Amino acid sequence: MSSDSEITFITTLNKFDSNLWGHHILVTDMIANQFITEGGDRRVVCTLNDTIEFQCALMPKGDGGFFININKK
């Protein structure tokens, strides 16, 4: 996938049951795999609700699928 590719999808904001992690959005394998490079790079730029843009990484959930951390800012 080229660096200027864009995919739009709908997901929900979730809260981890952890003191280490805060909120996150879930990303399915089907969507995440379109961004993960052969070298394993998972860095992406997210735009939430067409207003907030930030650099982030697709993090593996461990049981399939991925998530993106959402921090307070």
N, C-alpha and C. Protein backbone atom coordinates (compact mmCIF):
# COMPACT_ATOMS: atom_id res chain seq x y z
N MET A 1 0.85 -1.17 0.00
CA MET A 1 0.00 0.00 0.00
C MET A 1 0.89 1.23 0.00
N SER A 2 0.56 2.22 -0.81
CA SER A 2 1.39 3.42 -0.89
C SER A 2 1.21 4.28 0.34
N SER A 3 2.17 5.16 0.57
CA SER A 3 2.16 5.98 1.78
C SER A 3 1.02 6.99 1.82
N ASP A 4 0.39 7.27 0.67
CA ASP A 4 -0.71 8.23 0.68
C ASP A 4 -2.08 7.55 0.59
N SER A 5 -2.11 6.24 0.80
CA SER A 5 -3.38 5.50 0.76
C SER A 5 -4.23 5.83 1.99
N GLU A 6 -5.52 5.80 1.78
CA GLU A 6 -6.45 6.13 2.86
C GLU A 6 -7.55 5.09 2.93
N ILE A 7 -7.87 4.67 4.13
CA ILE A 7 -8.98 3.74 4.36
C ILE A 7 -9.84 4.35 5.45
N THR A 8 -11.13 4.34 5.24
CA THR A 8 -12.08 4.83 6.23
C THR A 8 -12.86 3.66 6.79
N PHE A 9 -12.98 3.61 8.12
CA PHE A 9 -13.78 2.57 8.73
C PHE A 9 -14.38 3.09 10.03
N ILE A 10 -15.42 2.42 10.48
CA ILE A 10 -16.11 2.82 11.70
C ILE A 10 -15.77 1.82 12.80
N THR A 11 -15.43 2.33 13.96
CA THR A 11 -15.13 1.51 15.12
C THR A 11 -15.58 2.27 16.36
N THR A 12 -15.37 1.69 17.51
CA THR A 12 -15.76 2.36 18.75
C THR A 12 -14.55 2.59 19.63
N LEU A 13 -14.64 3.59 20.48
CA LEU A 13 -13.62 3.88 21.47
C LEU A 13 -13.86 2.98 22.68
N ASN A 14 -12.84 2.24 23.07
CA ASN A 14 -12.95 1.30 24.18
C ASN A 14 -11.96 1.66 25.27
N LYS A 15 -12.23 1.22 26.49
CA LYS A 15 -11.33 1.44 27.62
C LYS A 15 -10.74 0.11 28.05
N PHE A 16 -9.40 0.08 28.21
CA PHE A 16 -8.75 -1.12 28.72
C PHE A 16 -9.06 -1.28 30.20
N ASP A 17 -9.09 -2.51 30.68
CA ASP A 17 -9.20 -2.79 32.11
C ASP A 17 -7.79 -2.88 32.67
N SER A 18 -7.08 -1.75 32.66
CA SER A 18 -5.67 -1.74 33.03
C SER A 18 -5.27 -0.34 33.49
N ASN A 19 -4.32 -0.28 34.41
CA ASN A 19 -3.77 1.01 34.82
C ASN A 19 -2.68 1.47 33.85
N LEU A 20 -2.16 0.54 33.05
CA LEU A 20 -1.09 0.86 32.11
C LEU A 20 -1.61 1.53 30.85
N TRP A 21 -2.69 0.99 30.30
CA TRP A 21 -3.26 1.49 29.05
C TRP A 21 -4.56 2.24 29.35
N GLY A 22 -4.87 3.21 28.53
CA GLY A 22 -6.11 3.97 28.69
C GLY A 22 -7.17 3.51 27.70
N HIS A 23 -7.41 4.33 26.70
CA HIS A 23 -8.44 4.03 25.70
C HIS A 23 -7.79 3.57 24.40
N HIS A 24 -8.58 2.90 23.59
CA HIS A 24 -8.09 2.38 22.33
C HIS A 24 -9.25 2.18 21.36
N ILE A 25 -8.89 2.07 20.09
CA ILE A 25 -9.87 1.67 19.08
C ILE A 25 -9.41 0.34 18.50
N LEU A 26 -10.36 -0.51 18.17
CA LEU A 26 -10.07 -1.82 17.61
C LEU A 26 -9.97 -1.72 16.09
N VAL A 27 -9.03 -2.48 15.52
CA VAL A 27 -8.84 -2.54 14.07
C VAL A 27 -8.80 -4.01 13.68
N THR A 28 -9.64 -4.40 12.76
CA THR A 28 -9.68 -5.81 12.34
C THR A 28 -8.41 -6.18 11.57
N ASP A 29 -8.12 -7.48 11.53
CA ASP A 29 -6.98 -7.97 10.74
C ASP A 29 -7.08 -7.52 9.29
N MET A 30 -8.27 -7.62 8.73
CA MET A 30 -8.48 -7.28 7.33
C MET A 30 -8.06 -5.84 7.03
N ILE A 31 -8.38 -4.93 7.91
CA ILE A 31 -7.99 -3.53 7.72
C ILE A 31 -6.51 -3.33 8.04
N ALA A 32 -6.05 -3.84 9.17
CA ALA A 32 -4.66 -3.63 9.60
C ALA A 32 -3.67 -4.19 8.60
N ASN A 33 -3.95 -5.36 8.05
CA ASN A 33 -3.00 -6.01 7.14
C ASN A 33 -2.77 -5.22 5.86
N GLN A 34 -3.66 -4.29 5.54
CA GLN A 34 -3.46 -3.44 4.38
C GLN A 34 -2.36 -2.41 4.61
N PHE A 35 -2.00 -2.16 5.87
CA PHE A 35 -1.00 -1.16 6.21
C PHE A 35 0.34 -1.76 6.65
N ILE A 36 0.34 -2.97 7.13
CA ILE A 36 1.56 -3.58 7.67
C ILE A 36 2.48 -3.96 6.51
N THR A 37 3.73 -3.48 6.56
CA THR A 37 4.67 -3.73 5.48
C THR A 37 5.31 -5.11 5.63
N GLU A 38 6.00 -5.54 4.59
CA GLU A 38 6.71 -6.83 4.64
C GLU A 38 7.76 -6.83 5.75
N GLY A 39 8.31 -5.67 6.07
CA GLY A 39 9.29 -5.55 7.14
C GLY A 39 8.66 -5.48 8.52
N GLY A 40 7.33 -5.47 8.58
CA GLY A 40 6.63 -5.46 9.86
C GLY A 40 6.29 -4.08 10.39
N ASP A 41 6.57 -3.02 9.61
CA ASP A 41 6.24 -1.67 10.07
C ASP A 41 4.74 -1.52 10.19
N ARG A 42 4.28 -1.01 11.34
CA ARG A 42 2.85 -0.85 11.60
C ARG A 42 2.48 0.60 11.90
N ARG A 43 3.36 1.54 11.54
CA ARG A 43 3.09 2.96 11.80
C ARG A 43 2.07 3.50 10.80
N VAL A 44 1.10 4.26 11.31
CA VAL A 44 0.06 4.86 10.47
C VAL A 44 -0.25 6.26 11.00
N VAL A 45 -0.99 7.00 10.22
CA VAL A 45 -1.52 8.30 10.66
C VAL A 45 -3.03 8.14 10.73
N CYS A 46 -3.61 8.43 11.89
CA CYS A 46 -5.05 8.31 12.11
C CYS A 46 -5.70 9.68 12.10
N THR A 47 -6.92 9.71 11.62
CA THR A 47 -7.76 10.90 11.73
C THR A 47 -9.06 10.44 12.36
N LEU A 48 -9.41 11.02 13.52
CA LEU A 48 -10.63 10.66 14.22
C LEU A 48 -11.70 11.71 13.96
N ASN A 49 -12.85 11.24 13.52
CA ASN A 49 -14.01 12.11 13.28
C ASN A 49 -13.67 13.31 12.40
N ASP A 50 -12.77 13.12 11.45
CA ASP A 50 -12.36 14.18 10.50
C ASP A 50 -11.81 15.42 11.19
N THR A 51 -11.33 15.31 12.43
CA THR A 51 -10.86 16.50 13.14
C THR A 51 -9.48 16.33 13.78
N ILE A 52 -9.21 15.19 14.39
CA ILE A 52 -7.97 15.01 15.14
C ILE A 52 -7.07 14.05 14.36
N GLU A 53 -5.87 14.50 14.01
CA GLU A 53 -4.93 13.67 13.28
C GLU A 53 -3.70 13.42 14.15
N PHE A 54 -3.22 12.16 14.19
CA PHE A 54 -2.05 11.84 14.99
C PHE A 54 -1.34 10.61 14.43
N GLN A 55 -0.04 10.54 14.66
CA GLN A 55 0.74 9.37 14.26
C GLN A 55 0.59 8.31 15.34
N CYS A 56 0.53 7.05 14.92
CA CYS A 56 0.34 5.96 15.87
C CYS A 56 0.82 4.66 15.25
N ALA A 57 0.63 3.58 15.99
CA ALA A 57 1.01 2.26 15.49
C ALA A 57 -0.12 1.27 15.72
N LEU A 58 -0.24 0.33 14.81
CA LEU A 58 -1.17 -0.78 14.97
C LEU A 58 -0.53 -1.78 15.92
N MET A 59 -1.14 -1.97 17.06
CA MET A 59 -0.60 -2.85 18.09
C MET A 59 -1.36 -4.18 18.07
N PRO A 60 -0.65 -5.32 18.07
CA PRO A 60 -1.35 -6.61 18.08
C PRO A 60 -2.08 -6.84 19.39
N LYS A 61 -3.31 -7.34 19.32
CA LYS A 61 -4.10 -7.63 20.52
C LYS A 61 -3.65 -8.90 21.22
N GLY A 62 -3.02 -9.80 20.48
CA GLY A 62 -2.60 -11.06 21.07
C GLY A 62 -3.56 -12.19 20.80
N ASP A 63 -4.83 -11.87 20.59
CA ASP A 63 -5.82 -12.91 20.29
C ASP A 63 -6.42 -12.69 18.91
N GLY A 64 -5.69 -12.01 18.05
CA GLY A 64 -6.17 -11.66 16.72
C GLY A 64 -6.63 -10.23 16.69
N GLY A 65 -6.47 -9.59 15.59
CA GLY A 65 -6.84 -8.19 15.47
C GLY A 65 -5.77 -7.28 16.05
N PHE A 66 -6.03 -6.00 15.94
CA PHE A 66 -5.09 -4.98 16.38
C PHE A 66 -5.85 -3.88 17.11
N PHE A 67 -5.10 -2.99 17.77
CA PHE A 67 -5.70 -1.81 18.38
C PHE A 67 -4.76 -0.64 18.20
N ILE A 68 -5.31 0.54 18.36
CA ILE A 68 -4.55 1.80 18.33
C ILE A 68 -4.81 2.50 19.64
N ASN A 69 -3.73 2.83 20.36
CA ASN A 69 -3.87 3.56 21.62
C ASN A 69 -4.36 4.97 21.36
N ILE A 70 -5.23 5.44 22.21
CA ILE A 70 -5.74 6.81 22.15
C ILE A 70 -5.36 7.49 23.46
N ASN A 71 -4.54 8.53 23.37
CA ASN A 71 -4.09 9.24 24.57
C ASN A 71 -4.86 10.54 24.75
N LYS A 72 -4.85 11.04 25.97
CA LYS A 72 -5.44 12.35 26.23
C LYS A 72 -4.53 13.40 25.65
N LYS A 73 -5.10 14.41 24.99
CA LYS A 73 -4.32 15.53 24.47
C LYS A 73 -5.18 16.73 24.38
